[in-house]
Protein backbone atom coordinates (compact mmCIF):
# COMPACT_ATOMS: atom_id res chain seq x y z
CA MET A 1 58.33 53.46 143.01
CA PRO A 2 60.38 56.41 142.32
CA LYS A 3 64.30 56.78 143.06
CA VAL A 4 65.40 59.34 145.63
CA ILE A 5 68.41 61.45 144.24
CA SER A 6 70.28 64.36 144.77
CA ALA A 7 69.84 67.52 142.94
CA ALA A 8 72.36 66.85 140.69
CA GLN A 9 71.75 63.47 139.46
CA ALA A 10 68.09 65.39 138.77
CA ALA A 11 70.33 68.08 136.77
CA ALA A 12 71.95 65.36 134.74
CA LEU A 13 68.77 64.02 133.09
CA VAL A 14 68.26 67.28 130.92
CA LYS A 15 69.58 66.54 127.76
CA SER A 16 70.66 69.56 125.36
CA GLY A 17 67.53 70.64 123.40
CA ASP A 18 65.07 69.40 125.96
CA THR A 19 62.25 71.41 126.71
CA LEU A 20 61.90 72.34 130.93
CA VAL A 21 58.55 72.75 132.43
CA ILE A 22 59.43 74.21 135.89
CA GLY A 23 56.39 74.66 138.26
CA GLY A 24 55.99 77.26 140.99
CA SER A 25 54.89 81.07 141.18
CA GLY A 26 57.14 84.39 141.58
CA GLY A 27 58.90 84.75 144.33
CA GLY A 28 60.25 81.54 145.69
CA HIS A 29 56.70 80.47 146.20
CA ALA A 30 56.25 76.45 145.63
CA VAL A 31 59.71 77.28 143.05
CA PRO A 32 61.73 74.20 142.99
CA ASP A 33 65.38 76.37 143.01
CA ARG A 34 67.35 73.52 144.11
CA LEU A 35 66.97 71.92 141.03
CA MET A 36 67.44 74.80 138.82
CA GLN A 37 70.33 75.44 140.84
CA ALA A 38 71.99 72.24 140.18
CA LEU A 39 71.18 72.95 136.58
CA GLY A 40 73.14 75.99 136.23
CA GLU A 41 75.68 74.57 138.24
CA ARG A 42 76.26 72.01 135.83
CA PHE A 43 76.11 74.01 132.82
CA ARG A 44 78.77 76.09 134.48
CA GLU A 45 81.08 73.26 135.02
CA THR A 46 80.33 71.19 131.91
CA ARG A 47 78.51 73.39 129.31
CA GLN A 48 75.46 70.95 129.10
CA PRO A 49 72.96 70.76 128.57
CA ALA A 50 73.04 73.22 125.84
CA GLY A 51 69.88 75.19 123.79
CA ILE A 52 67.02 74.20 126.05
CA THR A 53 63.93 75.63 126.19
CA ALA A 54 62.16 76.87 129.56
CA LEU A 55 58.37 77.09 130.10
CA HIS A 56 56.83 78.17 133.35
CA PRO A 57 53.94 79.98 133.52
CA VAL A 58 54.61 82.40 136.21
CA GLY A 59 57.60 84.49 136.09
CA LEU A 60 60.65 82.60 138.85
CA GLY A 61 62.93 84.63 140.49
CA ASP A 62 63.94 86.91 143.82
CA GLY A 63 64.76 89.55 140.95
CA ALA A 64 68.67 88.39 141.02
CA ASP A 65 70.13 85.55 140.59
CA LYS A 66 67.78 82.81 142.32
CA GLY A 67 64.66 80.83 140.13
CA ALA A 68 65.36 81.53 136.39
CA GLY A 69 68.31 83.56 137.12
CA HIS A 70 70.27 80.68 137.93
CA LEU A 71 69.34 79.35 134.29
CA ALA A 72 70.19 83.07 132.32
CA GLN A 73 73.65 81.59 131.28
CA ASP A 74 74.70 82.30 127.46
CA GLY A 75 74.36 78.61 125.90
CA LEU A 76 72.51 76.88 128.29
CA LEU A 77 69.15 78.28 126.79
CA ALA A 78 67.73 78.79 123.23
CA ARG A 79 63.95 79.82 124.34
CA VAL A 80 62.06 81.03 127.47
CA VAL A 81 58.09 80.77 127.26
CA SER A 82 56.84 82.62 130.45
CA GLY A 83 54.32 84.84 131.72
CA THR A 84 56.94 87.27 132.84
CA TYR A 85 60.75 88.08 132.93
CA VAL A 86 59.76 90.45 136.35
CA ASN A 87 61.60 88.35 138.66
CA SER A 88 64.77 87.14 136.63
CA PRO A 89 66.18 90.28 134.74
CA GLY A 90 69.10 88.20 133.51
CA ILE A 91 66.80 86.12 131.12
CA SER A 92 65.14 89.72 130.10
CA ASP A 93 68.71 90.70 129.28
CA LEU A 94 69.73 87.55 127.27
CA VAL A 95 66.67 88.23 125.48
CA GLN A 96 67.73 91.79 124.59
CA ALA A 97 71.37 91.28 123.51
CA GLY A 98 69.69 88.52 120.82
CA LYS A 99 71.46 85.85 122.33
CA ILE A 100 67.63 83.52 123.40
CA GLU A 101 64.52 83.58 122.02
CA GLY A 102 61.73 85.28 123.99
CA TRP A 103 58.13 84.63 124.44
CA THR A 104 55.83 86.44 127.43
CA LEU A 105 52.22 85.01 127.17
CA PRO A 106 49.57 85.48 129.12
CA GLN A 107 49.99 83.67 132.54
CA GLY A 108 46.28 82.52 132.34
CA ALA A 109 46.78 80.87 129.24
CA LEU A 110 49.85 79.23 129.98
CA SER A 111 48.47 77.88 133.01
CA GLN A 112 45.30 76.40 131.33
CA LEU A 113 47.47 75.27 128.18
CA MET A 114 49.31 72.71 130.79
CA ARG A 115 45.86 71.06 131.48
CA GLU A 116 45.33 71.06 127.43
CA MET A 117 48.79 69.32 127.15
CA ALA A 118 47.61 66.67 129.79
CA ALA A 119 44.51 65.78 127.94
CA GLY A 120 46.09 65.18 124.74
CA ARG A 121 44.29 67.99 123.44
CA PRO A 122 45.38 70.35 120.36
CA GLY A 123 46.04 73.52 122.11
CA LEU A 124 44.55 76.46 124.05
CA LEU A 125 41.29 78.25 121.99
CA SER A 126 40.92 81.40 124.18
CA LYS A 127 39.77 85.01 123.40
CA THR A 128 42.36 85.96 126.00
CA GLY A 129 45.08 88.52 124.20
CA LEU A 130 42.90 89.42 121.31
CA HIS A 131 44.02 93.15 120.43
CA THR A 132 47.15 92.85 122.72
CA PHE A 133 50.64 92.45 121.75
CA VAL A 134 49.70 88.73 122.43
CA ASP A 135 47.53 89.08 119.06
CA PRO A 136 49.47 87.62 116.23
CA ARG A 137 48.65 90.96 114.61
CA LEU A 138 50.41 93.11 116.89
CA GLY A 139 53.36 90.69 117.80
CA GLY A 140 52.25 87.08 118.81
CA GLY A 141 53.87 87.58 122.72
CA ARG A 142 57.45 87.70 120.78
CA GLN A 143 59.99 89.79 122.93
CA SER A 144 62.18 88.81 120.28
CA GLU A 145 62.62 87.51 116.66
CA PRO A 146 61.25 83.91 116.54
CA ARG A 147 63.98 81.37 115.38
CA THR A 148 61.35 78.81 115.65
CA GLY A 149 57.59 78.85 114.67
CA GLU A 150 55.30 81.43 116.15
CA LEU A 151 53.76 80.26 119.53
CA VAL A 152 50.22 81.54 118.76
CA GLU A 153 47.66 81.83 115.76
CA LEU A 154 44.64 84.07 114.93
CA ILE A 155 41.72 82.18 113.82
CA GLU A 156 38.14 82.21 113.34
CA PHE A 157 35.89 79.54 115.13
CA ARG A 158 31.81 79.79 114.37
CA GLY A 159 32.33 83.76 113.35
CA GLU A 160 34.35 84.75 116.04
CA GLU A 161 37.96 85.40 116.80
CA LEU A 162 39.69 83.48 118.98
CA LEU A 163 43.81 83.11 120.02
CA PHE A 164 45.19 79.61 119.68
CA TYR A 165 48.15 78.75 121.64
CA LYS A 166 49.87 75.68 120.58
CA PRO A 167 50.91 73.16 122.79
CA PHE A 168 55.16 71.98 123.49
CA HIS A 169 56.23 68.33 123.96
CA VAL A 170 57.86 68.39 127.16
CA ASN A 171 60.75 66.58 128.19
CA VAL A 172 61.84 67.19 131.81
CA CYS A 173 59.55 68.88 134.51
CA PHE A 174 60.93 70.04 137.65
CA LEU A 175 57.98 70.65 140.57
CA ARG A 176 58.37 71.20 144.13
CA GLY A 177 56.08 69.88 147.04
CA THR A 178 56.35 69.45 150.68
CA THR A 179 56.35 65.94 152.03
CA ALA A 180 56.68 62.67 149.24
CA ASP A 181 56.46 59.19 150.94
CA GLU A 182 58.21 56.21 149.42
CA ASP A 183 55.27 55.70 146.60
CA GLY A 184 56.06 59.21 145.11
CA ASN A 185 52.78 61.04 146.66
CA VAL A 186 53.49 64.27 146.94
CA THR A 187 51.66 66.40 149.45
CA MET A 188 51.99 70.58 149.99
CA GLU A 189 50.70 71.30 153.16
CA GLN A 190 53.66 74.12 154.25
CA GLU A 191 53.18 75.67 150.44
CA ALA A 192 51.87 79.21 150.02
CA VAL A 193 50.31 78.27 146.67
CA PHE A 194 49.31 75.09 144.44
CA GLY A 195 49.98 76.31 141.18
CA GLU A 196 49.32 73.86 138.21
CA MET A 197 51.89 71.15 139.59
CA LEU A 198 49.14 68.47 138.65
CA SER A 199 48.62 69.45 135.13
CA GLU A 200 52.63 69.91 134.72
CA ALA A 201 53.04 66.56 135.84
CA GLN A 202 50.66 65.23 133.71
CA ALA A 203 51.63 66.80 130.69
CA THR A 204 55.22 65.50 131.07
CA ARG A 205 54.08 62.32 131.73
CA ARG A 206 51.49 62.10 128.66
CA CYS A 207 54.75 63.27 126.56
CA GLY A 208 56.96 60.26 127.89
CA GLY A 209 58.55 62.92 129.91
CA ILE A 210 60.72 62.62 133.28
CA VAL A 211 58.92 64.62 136.33
CA ILE A 212 61.24 65.08 139.33
CA VAL A 213 59.95 66.73 142.27
CA GLN A 214 61.65 68.65 144.80
CA VAL A 215 60.54 68.30 148.76
CA ARG A 216 61.42 69.39 152.36
CA ARG A 217 61.21 65.90 153.33
CA MET A 218 60.40 62.28 153.32
CA ALA A 219 57.39 60.02 154.63
CA GLN A 220 56.69 56.06 155.25
CA ARG A 221 54.28 54.77 152.87
CA GLY A 222 50.45 54.88 153.78
CA THR A 223 50.93 57.31 156.06
CA LEU A 224 50.41 60.57 153.97
CA PRO A 225 46.20 61.69 154.14
CA ALA A 226 45.15 60.92 150.92
CA LYS A 227 43.09 64.11 149.99
CA GLN A 228 46.21 66.42 150.76
CA VAL A 229 48.08 64.68 147.66
CA LYS A 230 48.63 67.26 144.88
CA ILE A 231 50.70 64.79 142.69
CA PRO A 232 50.12 61.18 142.91
CA GLY A 233 53.11 59.10 143.24
CA ILE A 234 51.97 57.32 139.74
CA LEU A 235 53.00 60.50 138.24
CA VAL A 236 56.41 60.84 139.81
CA ASP A 237 59.80 59.72 138.33
CA TYR A 238 62.63 61.16 140.70
CA ILE A 239 62.46 62.73 144.40
CA VAL A 240 65.07 65.39 145.41
CA VAL A 241 64.81 66.25 148.98
CA GLU A 242 66.10 69.73 150.09
CA PRO A 243 65.60 70.22 154.20
CA ASP A 244 66.32 73.69 153.85
CA GLN A 245 63.78 74.56 151.50
CA ARG A 246 61.92 78.09 152.14
CA GLN A 247 58.17 78.72 151.53
CA THR A 248 59.12 81.87 149.43
CA TYR A 249 62.55 83.73 148.72
CA LEU A 250 61.64 86.47 151.44
CA THR A 251 59.80 84.07 154.12
CA PRO A 252 61.48 80.67 155.50
CA TYR A 253 58.03 79.82 156.71
CA SER A 254 54.71 81.39 157.89
CA PRO A 255 51.79 79.24 158.87
CA ALA A 256 49.63 82.04 157.57
CA TYR A 257 51.01 81.56 154.22
CA ALA A 258 50.07 77.78 154.43
CA GLY A 259 46.57 78.50 155.87
CA GLU A 260 47.47 76.73 159.42
CA LEU A 261 46.10 79.98 160.99
CA ARG A 262 44.31 83.36 160.87
CA ILE A 263 46.38 86.40 161.97
CA PRO A 264 44.90 89.23 163.97
CA MET A 265 44.12 92.46 161.47
CA SER A 266 46.17 94.40 163.76
CA ASP A 267 49.05 92.21 162.41
CA MET A 268 48.84 93.67 159.25
CA PRO A 269 51.28 96.71 158.93
CA ARG A 270 49.53 100.13 158.64
CA LEU A 271 50.81 102.11 155.25
CA PRO A 272 52.66 105.25 155.96
CA LEU A 273 50.88 108.38 154.29
CA ASP A 274 52.66 108.70 150.85
CA ALA A 275 51.60 108.49 146.95
CA ARG A 276 51.36 104.97 147.14
CA LYS A 277 48.84 104.87 150.09
CA VAL A 278 46.32 107.93 148.69
CA ILE A 279 46.13 105.78 145.36
CA ALA A 280 45.01 102.85 147.08
CA ARG A 281 42.80 104.75 149.05
CA ARG A 282 41.15 106.37 145.98
CA ALA A 283 41.09 102.79 144.23
CA ALA A 284 39.48 101.38 147.72
CA LEU A 285 36.50 103.51 147.25
CA GLU A 286 35.62 101.88 144.28
CA LEU A 287 34.71 98.44 146.48
CA MET A 288 30.91 97.69 147.09
CA THR A 289 30.54 95.39 150.19
CA GLY A 290 29.83 91.49 148.52
CA ALA A 291 32.49 92.76 145.54
CA ILE A 292 34.75 90.02 144.07
CA CYS A 293 38.31 91.39 143.27
CA ASN A 294 41.69 90.60 141.90
CA LEU A 295 44.69 92.28 143.34
CA GLY A 296 47.78 92.62 140.69
CA SER A 297 51.04 93.35 141.79
CA GLY A 298 52.57 97.10 142.63
CA ILE A 299 50.41 99.14 144.31
CA SER A 300 47.40 97.77 144.07
CA THR A 301 48.37 95.05 146.50
CA GLY A 302 48.05 97.97 149.07
CA ILE A 303 44.34 97.82 148.96
CA ALA A 304 44.21 94.74 150.88
CA GLY A 305 46.36 97.22 154.04
CA ILE A 306 44.09 99.79 153.34
CA ALA A 307 40.87 97.18 153.84
CA ALA A 308 42.41 95.86 156.96
CA GLU A 309 43.39 99.21 158.63
CA GLU A 310 39.80 100.50 157.84
CA GLY A 311 37.76 97.27 159.26
CA ALA A 312 36.34 96.33 155.72
CA LEU A 313 38.15 93.53 154.63
CA ASP A 314 35.43 91.23 155.53
CA ALA A 315 33.10 93.21 153.50
CA ILE A 316 34.50 92.27 150.24
CA CYS A 317 36.51 88.88 148.52
CA LEU A 318 39.85 89.40 147.37
CA THR A 319 41.49 86.83 145.41
CA ASN A 320 45.03 86.72 143.08
CA GLU A 321 45.44 85.01 140.23
CA GLN A 322 47.71 82.08 141.95
CA GLY A 323 44.58 80.61 142.93
CA LEU A 324 43.75 82.30 146.82
CA VAL A 325 40.30 83.69 147.61
CA GLY A 326 39.23 85.55 150.40
CA GLY A 327 41.59 87.31 153.11
CA ALA A 328 44.56 89.76 152.17
CA PRO A 329 46.90 88.99 149.39
CA ALA A 330 50.54 89.28 150.23
CA SER A 331 52.62 92.76 149.05
CA GLY A 332 56.23 92.95 148.17
CA GLY A 333 58.02 90.39 147.20
CA ASP A 334 55.86 87.69 148.94
CA ALA A 335 53.05 88.84 146.45
CA GLY A 336 51.33 85.75 145.14
CA ALA A 337 50.59 84.76 148.70
CA ALA A 338 47.67 85.31 151.16
CA THR A 339 46.80 85.70 154.66
CA ASN A 340 43.52 84.39 156.32
CA TYR A 341 42.22 83.10 152.73
CA ALA A 342 39.08 81.03 152.81
CA ALA A 343 40.19 78.32 150.07
CA LEU A 344 43.25 78.09 148.21
CA VAL A 345 42.78 76.35 144.52
CA ASP A 346 45.10 75.32 141.50
CA GLN A 347 45.60 78.14 139.55
CA PRO A 348 43.92 76.95 135.69
CA TYR A 349 40.90 76.76 138.12
CA GLN A 350 41.10 80.30 139.10
CA PHE A 351 41.52 81.66 135.29
CA ASP A 352 38.90 79.81 134.26
CA PHE A 353 36.77 81.99 136.94
CA TYR A 354 38.33 85.03 135.86
CA ASP A 355 38.24 84.33 132.14
CA GLY A 356 34.15 83.49 132.33
CA GLY A 357 33.73 87.16 134.09
CA GLY A 358 33.71 86.04 137.94
CA LEU A 359 35.55 89.19 138.65
CA ASP A 360 33.34 91.91 139.50
CA LEU A 361 36.33 94.62 140.01
CA ALA A 362 40.01 94.35 138.90
CA PHE A 363 43.06 96.33 140.33
CA LEU A 364 45.76 96.37 138.43
CA SER A 365 48.99 98.59 137.81
CA PHE A 366 50.15 100.38 134.65
CA ALA A 367 53.37 101.85 133.41
CA GLU A 368 52.03 103.84 130.29
CA VAL A 369 49.02 104.91 129.33
CA ASP A 370 48.04 106.48 126.05
CA PHE A 371 44.99 108.87 124.68
CA GLN A 372 42.98 106.10 123.47
CA GLY A 373 43.13 103.94 127.43
CA ASN A 374 45.75 101.28 126.05
CA VAL A 375 48.05 100.36 128.89
CA ASN A 376 51.42 98.95 128.83
CA VAL A 377 52.88 96.94 131.60
CA SER A 378 55.06 94.47 129.22
CA ARG A 379 57.68 96.19 127.98
CA PHE A 380 58.90 99.66 128.30
CA GLY A 381 62.56 101.61 127.90
CA LYS A 382 65.03 99.18 128.42
CA ARG A 383 62.83 96.43 130.41
CA ILE A 384 60.56 93.90 129.24
CA ILE A 385 58.58 92.32 131.56
CA GLY A 386 55.80 90.38 130.26
CA PRO A 387 52.00 90.42 131.13
CA GLY A 388 51.98 87.91 133.67
CA GLY A 389 48.17 87.14 134.83
CA PHE A 390 47.23 90.99 133.35
CA VAL A 391 45.87 90.38 130.31
CA ASN A 392 43.62 87.57 131.47
CA ILE A 393 42.20 89.89 134.44
CA SER A 394 42.07 93.10 132.86
CA GLN A 395 40.34 91.72 129.66
CA ASN A 396 37.88 89.48 131.41
CA ALA A 397 36.58 91.79 134.83
CA ARG A 398 33.35 93.62 134.57
CA SER A 399 35.17 97.20 136.10
CA VAL A 400 38.87 97.59 135.86
CA ILE A 401 40.89 100.15 138.08
CA TYR A 402 44.52 100.90 137.06
CA SER A 403 46.74 102.55 139.54
CA GLY A 404 50.08 104.20 139.61
CA THR A 405 52.49 107.30 139.87
CA PHE A 406 51.47 109.96 137.80
CA THR A 407 55.24 110.06 136.80
CA ALA A 408 58.24 107.67 137.09
CA GLY A 409 61.33 108.36 138.75
CA ALA A 410 62.31 110.08 142.06
CA SER A 411 59.69 112.70 143.36
CA ARG A 412 59.16 114.91 146.30
CA LEU A 413 55.66 114.87 147.39
CA ARG A 414 53.86 116.59 150.43
CA ILE A 415 50.92 115.00 151.63
CA GLY A 416 48.21 116.31 154.79
CA ASP A 417 45.48 118.17 155.78
CA GLY A 418 43.63 117.19 152.92
CA ARG A 419 46.08 118.72 150.19
CA LEU A 420 48.55 117.49 147.81
CA GLN A 421 51.76 119.49 146.89
CA ILE A 422 54.04 118.64 144.18
CA GLU A 423 57.51 119.90 145.38
CA GLN A 424 59.49 117.90 142.57
CA ASP A 425 58.16 115.61 139.76
CA GLY A 426 59.56 112.21 138.61
CA PRO A 427 61.44 112.97 135.52
CA HIS A 428 59.51 110.13 132.97
CA ARG A 429 55.96 110.65 131.66
CA LYS A 430 53.82 107.37 131.92
CA PHE A 431 50.90 109.29 129.93
CA VAL A 432 52.65 109.05 126.61
CA GLU A 433 51.39 109.65 122.98
CA GLN A 434 51.74 105.83 122.27
CA VAL A 435 52.12 102.95 124.09
CA GLN A 436 55.56 100.92 123.46
CA GLN A 437 53.66 97.33 123.96
CA ILE A 438 50.13 97.13 124.03
CA THR A 439 49.00 94.71 127.08
CA TYR A 440 45.76 96.07 127.67
CA SER A 441 43.52 97.46 124.34
CA GLY A 442 41.47 100.87 125.49
CA PRO A 443 39.26 100.60 122.04
CA TYR A 444 38.38 96.82 122.50
CA GLY A 445 37.16 97.22 126.56
CA ALA A 446 35.12 99.99 125.64
CA ARG A 447 33.34 98.11 122.80
CA CYS A 448 32.85 95.71 125.39
CA GLY A 449 31.15 97.90 127.88
CA GLN A 450 33.82 97.89 130.82
CA ARG A 451 34.14 100.45 133.13
CA VAL A 452 37.76 101.33 133.33
CA LEU A 453 39.50 104.16 135.67
CA TYR A 454 42.77 104.88 135.89
CA ILE A 455 44.05 106.54 139.31
CA THR A 456 47.20 108.61 140.33
CA GLU A 457 47.86 110.40 143.29
CA ARG A 458 46.65 113.32 141.60
CA ALA A 459 44.30 112.67 138.92
CA VAL A 460 41.60 110.28 137.93
CA PHE A 461 40.61 109.35 134.54
CA GLU A 462 37.75 107.41 132.77
CA LEU A 463 37.82 105.27 129.75
CA ASN A 464 35.18 106.21 126.71
CA PRO A 465 34.57 105.99 123.58
CA ALA A 466 35.93 108.98 122.56
CA GLY A 467 39.59 108.78 124.65
CA LEU A 468 40.95 109.67 128.33
CA THR A 469 38.69 111.84 129.96
CA LEU A 470 40.20 113.71 133.41
CA ILE A 471 37.29 113.21 135.79
CA GLU A 472 39.06 114.31 139.28
CA ILE A 473 42.44 116.27 140.06
CA ALA A 474 43.81 116.32 143.79
CA PRO A 475 43.34 119.47 145.95
CA GLY A 476 46.38 121.35 146.49
CA ILE A 477 47.64 121.34 142.67
CA ASP A 478 47.33 123.21 139.62
CA LEU A 479 45.26 121.72 136.64
CA GLU A 480 47.78 122.63 134.04
CA ARG A 481 51.51 122.78 135.54
CA ASP A 482 51.12 119.76 137.88
CA VAL A 483 48.79 117.33 135.12
CA LEU A 484 48.55 118.41 131.82
CA ALA A 485 51.98 119.96 131.56
CA HIS A 486 53.34 116.49 132.18
CA MET A 487 51.18 114.23 129.79
CA ASP A 488 52.07 113.86 126.08
CA PHE A 489 48.59 114.30 124.89
CA LYS A 490 45.72 116.35 126.47
CA PRO A 491 42.79 114.20 127.56
CA ILE A 492 39.27 115.03 127.28
CA ILE A 493 38.67 117.35 130.40
CA SER A 494 35.15 116.21 131.73
CA ALA A 495 32.47 119.15 131.93
CA SER A 496 31.76 117.88 135.78
CA LEU A 497 35.53 118.08 136.67
CA GLN A 498 35.80 116.99 140.65
CA LEU A 499 38.36 117.60 143.37
CA MET A 500 39.37 113.92 144.95
CA ASP A 501 38.15 113.48 148.48
CA ALA A 502 40.10 115.04 150.58
CA ALA A 503 40.43 112.31 153.28
CA LEU A 504 42.82 110.37 150.78
CA PHE A 505 45.40 112.98 151.82
CA CYS A 506 44.74 113.15 155.66
CA GLU A 507 46.48 110.78 158.50
CA ALA A 508 42.81 109.74 159.69
CA SER A 509 40.43 106.94 158.55
CA ILE A 510 39.11 107.35 155.40
CA GLY A 511 35.49 105.14 156.83
CA LEU A 512 35.63 102.83 153.92
CA ALA A 513 33.53 100.61 156.13
CA ALA A 514 31.03 103.36 156.98
CA ARG A 515 31.03 103.84 152.92
CA LEU A 516 30.56 100.79 152.17
CA ALA A 517 27.67 100.07 153.93
CA GLU A 518 26.00 103.65 153.04
CA ARG A 519 26.45 102.48 149.39
CA GLY A 520 24.85 98.91 149.46
CA PRO A 521 26.02 95.78 148.38
CA ILE A 522 26.96 94.71 144.74
CA THR A 523 24.22 93.45 142.55
CA PRO A 524 25.09 89.73 142.34
CA ARG A 525 26.27 88.29 139.30
CA SER A 526 23.19 86.10 138.61
CA ALA A 527 20.95 89.15 138.89
CA ARG A 528 23.27 91.24 136.22
CA ILE A 529 23.29 88.04 133.82
CA ALA A 530 19.09 87.67 134.13
CA ALA A 531 18.86 91.16 133.58
CA GLY A 532 20.93 90.58 130.63
CA GLU A 533 24.13 91.62 131.39
CA GLY A 534 26.90 89.26 129.94
CA VAL A 535 30.24 88.53 130.17
CA PRO A 536 32.67 91.10 128.32
CA ALA A 537 33.34 89.70 125.11
């Protein structure tokens, strides 16, 4: 029977030099924030524990001081291994300053690695990350000089190159659920995501470590529905009750995020007509009835809003890497949650589906693009971001659509009446001679036969083996002045260069539902495989 203790008592169980696994996702989704806060408070008061390794597949935080931000203290951490630091800039600052060892590995690989560790297997073998900065030939996922051994190895197995992700020995695990009973069985009925809580608990138990679960409330023994138990009590050592537990950092509780109800499409906010909406609309034109899609963070989350306001949401299946299938993925600080979804699965299984080529379309963002079609979202300027689920998704989808504004920084655009006018451009270029870090390899994608587009508010590019090709420009702009003059390289100009659809730049509907009906359904995956079209290599 697990013991109910305080958050401070739980924090006291972490020893110097320990490896701490932390569950949860992004902006507070099933994040055991009270446990992390207590650990940070203990270190400020006692300078203990020191030099721990924090391991969490998903970035955790509110962009300020919550989540991993509680741990961003000089001396508390020795190493952080995560999919991204975007939610915890304090961690990025420590890595940049050389005070801790920083690694950002693919979110899917880390998620699946938890399951491999739970089973006692040697580690994770995967193609995910080849020819990106995760590949040891290009850095091995390091964001600082390593003080310990490498975490990723390049190996050859049966004539194929693969990456081997090494396992960790876990001492303590912080997890979160909604309700625990007296036997330690934990349900997650109010959580927005499941993550890999079960695998993390199993991996910790196999290492002989301590499993601590933060919950909102306690229930009597034998009263929880057995099928709702996500973490069995046999895996739980301690319970910490936090009655004020929020569903996400932004949202105290949404029954739609918990899957208790479906909200009317009219309740979904309508996007204002700006550059982001133009980009999301143009990306949405790539949809086909029946397509299974992933929506990444940033501008791409706006595609759900476009599909909803156009009455086309039910014609497609939108997913996110946190395990949600169907409905409308949330945007902004709540990204990772979803409303009106059809299913919620554990994150490792969602990445199994992605890695197996299950996505017809992936909608992702970009920070930098070069002539070869390489994309960087993981490190630029003085910011360490990390890839999140980007590498798994981009390498294994049938088609990839990258979305982003043409330049970065403050700009002033006039959009309306089917035209775009650039009154003031952003000062920072995003189409560069060479990306700072390769998060997606254009040449590798081209060799694998992926269809890849790069969509901005003023231009659309396509990847081909010869390099980036300009295929569309916005009505109302000048090719030389508004596009080519703001690129560090000259792209290939398509002989059939076209204007972007004028409807994208008008307040009225773009008629997405009618366009999908006219285009017809996507070819089923089974038919493509039968015809000899395989999964991207």
